[in-house]
Amino acid sequence: MFWEYHDYLFENQNGENRGAFNKDALKGFAVELGLDAEAFNACMDTEKYAQIVVSETQWAQSVGVQSTPTFVVNGFPVIGAQSISVFEEVFNTVLTP
């Protein structure tokens, strides 16, 4: 149900820092979508994956990610919506010995 939940969050966002995605709301969304509420709530309450999220966020910031979209190609950040030619240039740089 990952993608269903993902899509639901995306479709129901209403701006940053407005409390729409607090823990209780996220748990309610899970119930609305028919997820296993007991398992979902246990995961949220124990913060089972919190350290992974923190580690990934720190890594992203360390390679220059500050906004979306940002792509990282073999350690090279490509920031913003870029043309295919920018990606080709990065790929050629990365793949050329």
PDB file of N, CA and C in Angstrom:
ATOM      1  N   MET A   1       0.816  -1.203   0.000  1.00  0.00           N
ATOM      2  CA  MET A   1       0.000   0.000   0.000  1.00  0.00           C
ATOM      3  C   MET A   1       0.860   1.269   0.000  1.00  0.00           C
ATOM      4  N   PHE A   2       2.168   1.089  -0.193  1.00  0.00           N
ATOM      5  CA  PHE A   2       3.063   2.246  -0.156  1.00  0.00           C
ATOM      6  C   PHE A   2       2.602   3.336  -1.111  1.00  0.00           C
ATOM      7  N   TRP A   3       2.388   2.969  -2.372  1.00  0.00           N
ATOM      8  CA  TRP A   3       2.061   3.982  -3.364  1.00  0.00           C
ATOM      9  C   TRP A   3       0.694   4.601  -3.131  1.00  0.00           C
ATOM     10  N   GLU A   4      -0.246   3.814  -2.641  1.00  0.00           N
ATOM     11  CA  GLU A   4      -1.563   4.365  -2.331  1.00  0.00           C
ATOM     12  C   GLU A   4      -1.449   5.425  -1.233  1.00  0.00           C
ATOM     13  N   TYR A   5      -0.652   5.098  -0.210  1.00  0.00           N
ATOM     14  CA  TYR A   5      -0.457   6.051   0.894  1.00  0.00           C
ATOM     15  C   TYR A   5       0.293   7.288   0.392  1.00  0.00           C
ATOM     16  N   HIS A   6       1.330   7.054  -0.384  1.00  0.00           N
ATOM     17  CA  HIS A   6       2.102   8.145  -0.986  1.00  0.00           C
ATOM     18  C   HIS A   6       1.187   9.084  -1.769  1.00  0.00           C
ATOM     19  N   ASP A   7       0.371   8.509  -2.647  1.00  0.00           N
ATOM     20  CA  ASP A   7      -0.527   9.314  -3.471  1.00  0.00           C
ATOM     21  C   ASP A   7      -1.523  10.085  -2.617  1.00  0.00           C
ATOM     22  N   TYR A   8      -2.028   9.440  -1.575  1.00  0.00           N
ATOM     23  CA  TYR A   8      -2.981  10.098  -0.687  1.00  0.00           C
ATOM     24  C   TYR A   8      -2.338  11.315  -0.016  1.00  0.00           C
ATOM     25  N   LEU A   9      -1.116  11.146   0.469  1.00  0.00           N
ATOM     26  CA  LEU A   9      -0.411  12.276   1.092  1.00  0.00           C
ATOM     27  C   LEU A   9      -0.203  13.406   0.089  1.00  0.00           C
ATOM     28  N   PHE A  10       0.233  13.046  -1.097  1.00  0.00           N
ATOM     29  CA  PHE A  10       0.494  14.060  -2.118  1.00  0.00           C
ATOM     30  C   PHE A  10      -0.779  14.815  -2.482  1.00  0.00           C
ATOM     31  N   GLU A  11      -1.865  14.093  -2.634  1.00  0.00           N
ATOM     32  CA  GLU A  11      -3.127  14.712  -3.035  1.00  0.00           C
ATOM     33  C   GLU A  11      -3.764  15.545  -1.923  1.00  0.00           C
ATOM     34  N   ASN A  12      -3.398  15.288  -0.675  1.00  0.00           N
ATOM     35  CA  ASN A  12      -4.036  15.970   0.447  1.00  0.00           C
ATOM     36  C   ASN A  12      -3.123  16.947   1.176  1.00  0.00           C
ATOM     37  N   GLN A  13      -2.036  17.309   0.552  1.00  0.00           N
ATOM     38  CA  GLN A  13      -1.174  18.297   1.189  1.00  0.00           C
ATOM     39  C   GLN A  13      -1.799  19.680   1.076  1.00  0.00           C
ATOM     40  N   ASN A  14      -1.531  20.519   2.067  1.00  0.00           N
ATOM     41  CA  ASN A  14      -2.103  21.866   2.013  1.00  0.00           C
ATOM     42  C   ASN A  14      -1.091  22.920   2.437  1.00  0.00           C
ATOM     43  N   GLY A  15       0.167  22.656   2.194  1.00  0.00           N
ATOM     44  CA  GLY A  15       1.210  23.612   2.531  1.00  0.00           C
ATOM     45  C   GLY A  15       2.068  23.123   3.676  1.00  0.00           C
ATOM     46  N   GLU A  16       3.236  23.707   3.776  1.00  0.00           N
ATOM     47  CA  GLU A  16       4.177  23.307   4.816  1.00  0.00           C
ATOM     48  C   GLU A  16       3.787  23.847   6.179  1.00  0.00           C
ATOM     49  N   ASN A  17       4.164  23.098   7.191  1.00  0.00           N
ATOM     50  CA  ASN A  17       4.061  23.533   8.585  1.00  0.00           C
ATOM     51  C   ASN A  17       2.664  23.986   8.991  1.00  0.00           C
ATOM     52  N   ARG A  18       1.661  23.263   8.541  1.00  0.00           N
ATOM     53  CA  ARG A  18       0.288  23.591   8.911  1.00  0.00           C
ATOM     54  C   ARG A  18      -0.347  22.492   9.762  1.00  0.00           C
ATOM     55  N   GLY A  19       0.436  21.485  10.137  1.00  0.00           N
ATOM     56  CA  GLY A  19      -0.057  20.428  10.996  1.00  0.00           C
ATOM     57  C   GLY A  19      -0.861  19.350  10.296  1.00  0.00           C
ATOM     58  N   ALA A  20      -0.964  19.432   8.994  1.00  0.00           N
ATOM     59  CA  ALA A  20      -1.780  18.456   8.261  1.00  0.00           C
ATOM     60  C   ALA A  20      -1.195  17.050   8.328  1.00  0.00           C
ATOM     61  N   PHE A  21       0.090  16.945   8.563  1.00  0.00           N
ATOM     62  CA  PHE A  21       0.744  15.638   8.590  1.00  0.00           C
ATOM     63  C   PHE A  21       1.293  15.319   9.974  1.00  0.00           C
ATOM     64  N   ASN A  22       0.587  15.728  11.017  1.00  0.00           N
ATOM     65  CA  ASN A  22       1.015  15.337  12.356  1.00  0.00           C
ATOM     66  C   ASN A  22       0.733  13.845  12.538  1.00  0.00           C
ATOM     67  N   LYS A  23       1.259  13.262  13.616  1.00  0.00           N
ATOM     68  CA  LYS A  23       1.136  11.815  13.810  1.00  0.00           C
ATOM     69  C   LYS A  23      -0.312  11.335  13.785  1.00  0.00           C
ATOM     70  N   ASP A  24      -1.195  12.033  14.464  1.00  0.00           N
ATOM     71  CA  ASP A  24      -2.592  11.599  14.496  1.00  0.00           C
ATOM     72  C   ASP A  24      -3.217  11.626  13.108  1.00  0.00           C
ATOM     73  N   ALA A  25      -2.914  12.656  12.342  1.00  0.00           N
ATOM     74  CA  ALA A  25      -3.451  12.743  10.983  1.00  0.00           C
ATOM     75  C   ALA A  25      -2.910  11.610  10.119  1.00  0.00           C
ATOM     76  N   LEU A  26      -1.611  11.340  10.216  1.00  0.00           N
ATOM     77  CA  LEU A  26      -1.010  10.265   9.422  1.00  0.00           C
ATOM     78  C   LEU A  26      -1.633   8.918   9.773  1.00  0.00           C
ATOM     79  N   LYS A  27      -1.893   8.714  11.058  1.00  0.00           N
ATOM     80  CA  LYS A  27      -2.545   7.467  11.481  1.00  0.00           C
ATOM     81  C   LYS A  27      -3.963   7.396  10.921  1.00  0.00           C
ATOM     82  N   GLY A  28      -4.661   8.508  10.927  1.00  0.00           N
ATOM     83  CA  GLY A  28      -6.015   8.546  10.377  1.00  0.00           C
ATOM     84  C   GLY A  28      -6.044   8.249   8.889  1.00  0.00           C
ATOM     85  N   PHE A  29      -5.056   8.763   8.166  1.00  0.00           N
ATOM     86  CA  PHE A  29      -4.972   8.488   6.733  1.00  0.00           C
ATOM     87  C   PHE A  29      -4.819   6.989   6.500  1.00  0.00           C
ATOM     88  N   ALA A  30      -3.999   6.344   7.336  1.00  0.00           N
ATOM     89  CA  ALA A  30      -3.783   4.903   7.201  1.00  0.00           C
ATOM     90  C   ALA A  30      -5.104   4.148   7.371  1.00  0.00           C
ATOM     91  N   VAL A  31      -5.890   4.561   8.343  1.00  0.00           N
ATOM     92  CA  VAL A  31      -7.189   3.921   8.574  1.00  0.00           C
ATOM     93  C   VAL A  31      -8.103   4.148   7.365  1.00  0.00           C
ATOM     94  N   GLU A  32      -8.146   5.373   6.865  1.00  0.00           N
ATOM     95  CA  GLU A  32      -8.994   5.692   5.713  1.00  0.00           C
ATOM     96  C   GLU A  32      -8.657   4.835   4.506  1.00  0.00           C
ATOM     97  N   LEU A  33      -7.371   4.526   4.347  1.00  0.00           N
ATOM     98  CA  LEU A  33      -6.937   3.731   3.196  1.00  0.00           C
ATOM     99  C   LEU A  33      -7.036   2.231   3.439  1.00  0.00           C
ATOM    100  N   GLY A  34      -7.378   1.837   4.655  1.00  0.00           N
ATOM    101  CA  GLY A  34      -7.531   0.413   4.944  1.00  0.00           C
ATOM    102  C   GLY A  34      -6.244  -0.303   5.269  1.00  0.00           C
ATOM    103  N   LEU A  35      -5.209   0.434   5.689  1.00  0.00           N
ATOM    104  CA  LEU A  35      -3.973  -0.216   6.102  1.00  0.00           C
ATOM    105  C   LEU A  35      -4.183  -0.921   7.437  1.00  0.00           C
ATOM    106  N   ASP A  36      -3.254  -1.783   7.794  1.00  0.00           N
ATOM    107  CA  ASP A  36      -3.279  -2.450   9.093  1.00  0.00           C
ATOM    108  C   ASP A  36      -2.944  -1.390  10.136  1.00  0.00           C
ATOM    109  N   ALA A  37      -3.966  -0.826  10.774  1.00  0.00           N
ATOM    110  CA  ALA A  37      -3.786   0.300  11.691  1.00  0.00           C
ATOM    111  C   ALA A  37      -2.891  -0.065  12.867  1.00  0.00           C
ATOM    112  N   GLU A  38      -3.023  -1.281  13.388  1.00  0.00           N
ATOM    113  CA  GLU A  38      -2.200  -1.681  14.530  1.00  0.00           C
ATOM    114  C   GLU A  38      -0.714  -1.679  14.166  1.00  0.00           C
ATOM    115  N   ALA A  39      -0.378  -2.247  13.033  1.00  0.00           N
ATOM    116  CA  ALA A  39       1.023  -2.287  12.592  1.00  0.00           C
ATOM    117  C   ALA A  39       1.521  -0.886  12.248  1.00  0.00           C
ATOM    118  N   PHE A  40       0.692  -0.108  11.568  1.00  0.00           N
ATOM    119  CA  PHE A  40       1.076   1.243  11.185  1.00  0.00           C
ATOM    120  C   PHE A  40       1.333   2.096  12.428  1.00  0.00           C
ATOM    121  N   ASN A  41       0.409   2.046  13.384  1.00  0.00           N
ATOM    122  CA  ASN A  41       0.546   2.836  14.607  1.00  0.00           C
ATOM    123  C   ASN A  41       1.774   2.418  15.413  1.00  0.00           C
ATOM    124  N   ALA A  42       2.031   1.129  15.475  1.00  0.00           N
ATOM    125  CA  ALA A  42       3.217   0.651  16.199  1.00  0.00           C
ATOM    126  C   ALA A  42       4.489   1.183  15.550  1.00  0.00           C
ATOM    127  N   CYS A  43       4.517   1.183  14.238  1.00  0.00           N
ATOM    128  CA  CYS A  43       5.675   1.709  13.508  1.00  0.00           C
ATOM    129  C   CYS A  43       5.856   3.193  13.790  1.00  0.00           C
ATOM    130  N   MET A  44       4.761   3.943  13.739  1.00  0.00           N
ATOM    131  CA  MET A  44       4.824   5.387  14.008  1.00  0.00           C
ATOM    132  C   MET A  44       5.231   5.666  15.461  1.00  0.00           C
ATOM    133  N   ASP A  45       4.621   4.944  16.398  1.00  0.00           N
ATOM    134  CA  ASP A  45       4.860   5.216  17.816  1.00  0.00           C
ATOM    135  C   ASP A  45       6.271   4.862  18.264  1.00  0.00           C
ATOM    136  N   THR A  46       6.847   3.820  17.672  1.00  0.00           N
ATOM    137  CA  THR A  46       8.210   3.417  18.048  1.00  0.00           C
ATOM    138  C   THR A  46       9.272   4.124  17.210  1.00  0.00           C
ATOM    139  N   GLU A  47       8.814   4.859  16.204  1.00  0.00           N
ATOM    140  CA  GLU A  47       9.729   5.545  15.281  1.00  0.00           C
ATOM    141  C   GLU A  47      10.754   4.569  14.703  1.00  0.00           C
ATOM    142  N   LYS A  48      10.229   3.415  14.301  1.00  0.00           N
ATOM    143  CA  LYS A  48      11.050   2.300  13.825  1.00  0.00           C
ATOM    144  C   LYS A  48      12.056   2.710  12.744  1.00  0.00           C
ATOM    145  N   TYR A  49      11.670   3.574  11.845  1.00  0.00           N
ATOM    146  CA  TYR A  49      12.543   3.945  10.727  1.00  0.00           C
ATOM    147  C   TYR A  49      13.091   5.363  10.826  1.00  0.00           C
ATOM    148  N   ALA A  50      12.901   6.006  11.950  1.00  0.00           N
ATOM    149  CA  ALA A  50      13.310   7.408  12.101  1.00  0.00           C
ATOM    150  C   ALA A  50      14.803   7.600  11.863  1.00  0.00           C
ATOM    151  N   GLN A  51      15.635   6.724  12.393  1.00  0.00           N
ATOM    152  CA  GLN A  51      17.081   6.901  12.234  1.00  0.00           C
ATOM    153  C   GLN A  51      17.504   6.757  10.780  1.00  0.00           C
ATOM    154  N   ILE A  52      16.846   5.882  10.045  1.00  0.00           N
ATOM    155  CA  ILE A  52      17.155   5.734   8.623  1.00  0.00           C
ATOM    156  C   ILE A  52      16.818   7.023   7.883  1.00  0.00           C
ATOM    157  N   VAL A  53      15.678   7.609   8.193  1.00  0.00           N
ATOM    158  CA  VAL A  53      15.271   8.867   7.547  1.00  0.00           C
ATOM    159  C   VAL A  53      16.265   9.974   7.885  1.00  0.00           C
ATOM    160  N   VAL A  54      16.663  10.062   9.146  1.00  0.00           N
ATOM    161  CA  VAL A  54      17.635  11.082   9.566  1.00  0.00           C
ATOM    162  C   VAL A  54      18.957  10.882   8.831  1.00  0.00           C
ATOM    163  N   SER A  55      19.425   9.639   8.755  1.00  0.00           N
ATOM    164  CA  SER A  55      20.696   9.349   8.076  1.00  0.00           C
ATOM    165  C   SER A  55      20.633   9.704   6.599  1.00  0.00           C
ATOM    166  N   GLU A  56      19.538   9.339   5.940  1.00  0.00           N
ATOM    167  CA  GLU A  56      19.383   9.654   4.517  1.00  0.00           C
ATOM    168  C   GLU A  56      19.304  11.160   4.288  1.00  0.00           C
ATOM    169  N   THR A  57      18.630  11.865   5.176  1.00  0.00           N
ATOM    170  CA  THR A  57      18.525  13.329   5.068  1.00  0.00           C
ATOM    171  C   THR A  57      19.893  13.968   5.230  1.00  0.00           C
ATOM    172  N   GLN A  58      20.654  13.503   6.209  1.00  0.00           N
ATOM    173  CA  GLN A  58      21.994  14.047   6.426  1.00  0.00           C
ATOM    174  C   GLN A  58      22.895  13.775   5.229  1.00  0.00           C
ATOM    175  N   TRP A  59      22.802  12.571   4.654  1.00  0.00           N
ATOM    176  CA  TRP A  59      23.612  12.252   3.482  1.00  0.00           C
ATOM    177  C   TRP A  59      23.224  13.176   2.328  1.00  0.00           C
ATOM    178  N   ALA A  60      21.926  13.338   2.097  1.00  0.00           N
ATOM    179  CA  ALA A  60      21.469  14.190   0.996  1.00  0.00           C
ATOM    180  C   ALA A  60      21.992  15.613   1.167  1.00  0.00           C
ATOM    181  N   GLN A  61      21.911  16.139   2.374  1.00  0.00           N
ATOM    182  CA  GLN A  61      22.418  17.486   2.626  1.00  0.00           C
ATOM    183  C   GLN A  61      23.922  17.557   2.413  1.00  0.00           C
ATOM    184  N   SER A  62      24.633  16.495   2.740  1.00  0.00           N
ATOM    185  CA  SER A  62      26.093  16.493   2.593  1.00  0.00           C
ATOM    186  C   SER A  62      26.545  16.542   1.134  1.00  0.00           C
ATOM    187  N   VAL A  63      25.681  16.078   0.211  1.00  0.00           N
ATOM    188  CA  VAL A  63      26.032  16.137  -1.210  1.00  0.00           C
ATOM    189  C   VAL A  63      25.369  17.308  -1.915  1.00  0.00           C
ATOM    190  N   GLY A  64      24.744  18.200  -1.140  1.00  0.00           N
ATOM    191  CA  GLY A  64      24.237  19.436  -1.711  1.00  0.00           C
ATOM    192  C   GLY A  64      22.749  19.513  -1.952  1.00  0.00           C
ATOM    193  N   VAL A  65      21.991  18.509  -1.547  1.00  0.00           N
ATOM    194  CA  VAL A  65      20.547  18.558  -1.752  1.00  0.00           C
ATOM    195  C   VAL A  65      19.942  19.572  -0.790  1.00  0.00           C
ATOM    196  N   GLN A  66      19.243  20.568  -1.358  1.00  0.00           N
ATOM    197  CA  GLN A  66      18.569  21.585  -0.556  1.00  0.00           C
ATOM    198  C   GLN A  66      17.134  21.797  -1.016  1.00  0.00           C
ATOM    199  N   SER A  67      16.780  21.211  -2.150  1.00  0.00           N
ATOM    200  CA  SER A  67      15.447  21.435  -2.692  1.00  0.00           C
ATOM    201  C   SER A  67      15.077  20.291  -3.629  1.00  0.00           C
ATOM    202  N   THR A  68      13.843  20.308  -4.079  1.00  0.00           N
ATOM    203  CA  THR A  68      13.408  19.336  -5.067  1.00  0.00           C
ATOM    204  C   THR A  68      13.030  20.076  -6.344  1.00  0.00           C
ATOM    205  N   PRO A  69      13.270  19.478  -7.475  1.00  0.00           N
ATOM    206  CA  PRO A  69      13.906  18.178  -7.612  1.00  0.00           C
ATOM    207  C   PRO A  69      15.423  18.307  -7.529  1.00  0.00           C
ATOM    208  N   THR A  70      16.043  17.328  -6.944  1.00  0.00           N
ATOM    209  CA  THR A  70      17.491  17.171  -6.973  1.00  0.00           C
ATOM    210  C   THR A  70      17.769  15.707  -7.230  1.00  0.00           C
ATOM    211  N   PHE A  71      18.656  15.447  -8.145  1.00  0.00           N
ATOM    212  CA  PHE A  71      19.078  14.088  -8.461  1.00  0.00           C
ATOM    213  C   PHE A  71      20.550  13.976  -8.109  1.00  0.00           C
ATOM    214  N   VAL A  72      20.961  12.822  -7.625  1.00  0.00           N
ATOM    215  CA  VAL A  72      22.369  12.591  -7.335  1.00  0.00           C
ATOM    216  C   VAL A  72      22.806  11.420  -8.199  1.00  0.00           C
ATOM    217  N   VAL A  73      23.751  11.693  -9.083  1.00  0.00           N
ATOM    218  CA  VAL A  73      24.246  10.685 -10.008  1.00  0.00           C
ATOM    219  C   VAL A  73      25.684  10.374  -9.617  1.00  0.00           C
ATOM    220  N   ASN A  74      25.864   9.242  -8.981  1.00  0.00           N
ATOM    221  CA  ASN A  74      27.199   8.810  -8.553  1.00  0.00           C
ATOM    222  C   ASN A  74      27.919   9.902  -7.763  1.00  0.00           C
ATOM    223  N   GLY A  75      27.181  10.551  -6.878  1.00  0.00           N
ATOM    224  CA  GLY A  75      27.758  11.585  -6.030  1.00  0.00           C
ATOM    225  C   GLY A  75      27.685  12.997  -6.584  1.00  0.00           C
ATOM    226  N   PHE A  76      27.277  13.154  -7.834  1.00  0.00           N
ATOM    227  CA  PHE A  76      27.160  14.467  -8.456  1.00  0.00           C
ATOM    228  C   PHE A  76      25.716  14.963  -8.371  1.00  0.00           C
ATOM    229  N   PRO A  77      25.464  16.050  -7.641  1.00  0.00           N
ATOM    230  CA  PRO A  77      24.087  16.547  -7.582  1.00  0.00           C
ATOM    231  C   PRO A  77      23.700  17.298  -8.854  1.00  0.00           C
ATOM    232  N   VAL A  78      22.491  17.041  -9.316  1.00  0.00           N
ATOM    233  CA  VAL A  78      21.895  17.780 -10.419  1.00  0.00           C
ATOM    234  C   VAL A  78      20.677  18.472  -9.810  1.00  0.00           C
ATOM    235  N   ILE A  79      20.780  19.774  -9.638  1.00  0.00           N
ATOM    236  CA  ILE A  79      19.791  20.524  -8.871  1.00  0.00           C
ATOM    237  C   ILE A  79      18.816  21.234  -9.810  1.00  0.00           C
ATOM    238  N   GLY A  80      17.533  21.067  -9.518  1.00  0.00           N
ATOM    239  CA  GLY A  80      16.495  21.733 -10.287  1.00  0.00           C
ATOM    240  C   GLY A  80      16.067  20.930 -11.492  1.00  0.00           C
ATOM    241  N   ALA A  81      15.028  21.416 -12.135  1.00  0.00           N
ATOM    242  CA  ALA A  81      14.531  20.775 -13.350  1.00  0.00           C
ATOM    243  C   ALA A  81      15.511  21.086 -14.471  1.00  0.00           C
ATOM    244  N   GLN A  82      16.182  20.077 -14.955  1.00  0.00           N
ATOM    245  CA  GLN A  82      17.232  20.269 -15.953  1.00  0.00           C
ATOM    246  C   GLN A  82      16.870  19.535 -17.253  1.00  0.00           C
ATOM    247  N   SER A  83      17.479  19.989 -18.319  1.00  0.00           N
ATOM    248  CA  SER A  83      17.262  19.346 -19.617  1.00  0.00           C
ATOM    249  C   SER A  83      18.028  18.030 -19.673  1.00  0.00           C
ATOM    250  N   ILE A  84      17.654  17.216 -20.618  1.00  0.00           N
ATOM    251  CA  ILE A  84      18.324  15.930 -20.803  1.00  0.00           C
ATOM    252  C   ILE A  84      19.803  16.135 -21.104  1.00  0.00           C
ATOM    253  N   SER A  85      20.160  17.229 -21.751  1.00  0.00           N
ATOM    254  CA  SER A  85      21.568  17.467 -22.082  1.00  0.00           C
ATOM    255  C   SER A  85      22.416  17.645 -20.820  1.00  0.00           C
ATOM    256  N   VAL A  86      21.849  18.221 -19.774  1.00  0.00           N
ATOM    257  CA  VAL A  86      22.578  18.365 -18.508  1.00  0.00           C
ATOM    258  C   VAL A  86      22.826  16.982 -17.922  1.00  0.00           C
ATOM    259  N   PHE A  87      21.812  16.125 -17.952  1.00  0.00           N
ATOM    260  CA  PHE A  87      21.987  14.770 -17.442  1.00  0.00           C
ATOM    261  C   PHE A  87      23.000  13.990 -18.280  1.00  0.00           C
ATOM    262  N   GLU A  88      22.942  14.163 -19.586  1.00  0.00           N
ATOM    263  CA  GLU A  88      23.909  13.483 -20.458  1.00  0.00           C
ATOM    264  C   GLU A  88      25.329  13.898 -20.116  1.00  0.00           C
ATOM    265  N   GLU A  89      25.526  15.182 -19.860  1.00  0.00           N
ATOM    266  CA  GLU A  89      26.849  15.683 -19.491  1.00  0.00           C
ATOM    267  C   GLU A  89      27.326  15.046 -18.183  1.00  0.00           C
ATOM    268  N   VAL A  90      26.442  14.974 -17.199  1.00  0.00           N
ATOM    269  CA  VAL A  90      26.792  14.350 -15.922  1.00  0.00           C
ATOM    270  C   VAL A  90      27.095  12.875 -16.123  1.00  0.00           C
ATOM    271  N   PHE A  91      26.257  12.170 -16.875  1.00  0.00           N
ATOM    272  CA  PHE A  91      26.494  10.749 -17.120  1.00  0.00           C
ATOM    273  C   PHE A  91      27.831  10.531 -17.817  1.00  0.00           C
ATOM    274  N   ASN A  92      28.108  11.361 -18.811  1.00  0.00           N
ATOM    275  CA  ASN A  92      29.389  11.220 -19.525  1.00  0.00           C
ATOM    276  C   ASN A  92      30.565  11.475 -18.591  1.00  0.00           C
ATOM    277  N   THR A  93      30.427  12.430 -17.696  1.00  0.00           N
ATOM    278  CA  THR A  93      31.502  12.714 -16.726  1.00  0.00           C
ATOM    279  C   THR A  93      31.688  11.526 -15.783  1.00  0.00           C
ATOM    280  N   VAL A  94      30.612  11.001 -15.305  1.00  0.00           N
ATOM    281  CA  VAL A  94      30.660   9.903 -14.339  1.00  0.00           C
ATOM    282  C   VAL A  94      31.161   8.624 -14.974  1.00  0.00           C
ATOM    283  N   LEU A  95      30.746   8.367 -16.208  1.00  0.00           N
ATOM    284  CA  LEU A  95      31.068   7.097 -16.858  1.00  0.00           C
ATOM    285  C   LEU A  95      32.398   7.094 -17.592  1.00  0.00           C
ATOM    286  N   THR A  96      33.000   8.253 -17.794  1.00  0.00           N
ATOM    287  CA  THR A  96      34.261   8.324 -18.510  1.00  0.00           C
ATOM    288  C   THR A  96      35.413   8.083 -17.522  1.00  0.00           C
ATOM    289  N   PRO A  97      36.231   7.070 -17.821  1.00  0.00           N
ATOM    290  CA  PRO A  97      37.352   6.762 -16.900  1.00  0.00           C
ATOM    291  C   PRO A  97      38.419   7.821 -16.893  1.00  0.00           C
TER     292      PRO A  97
END
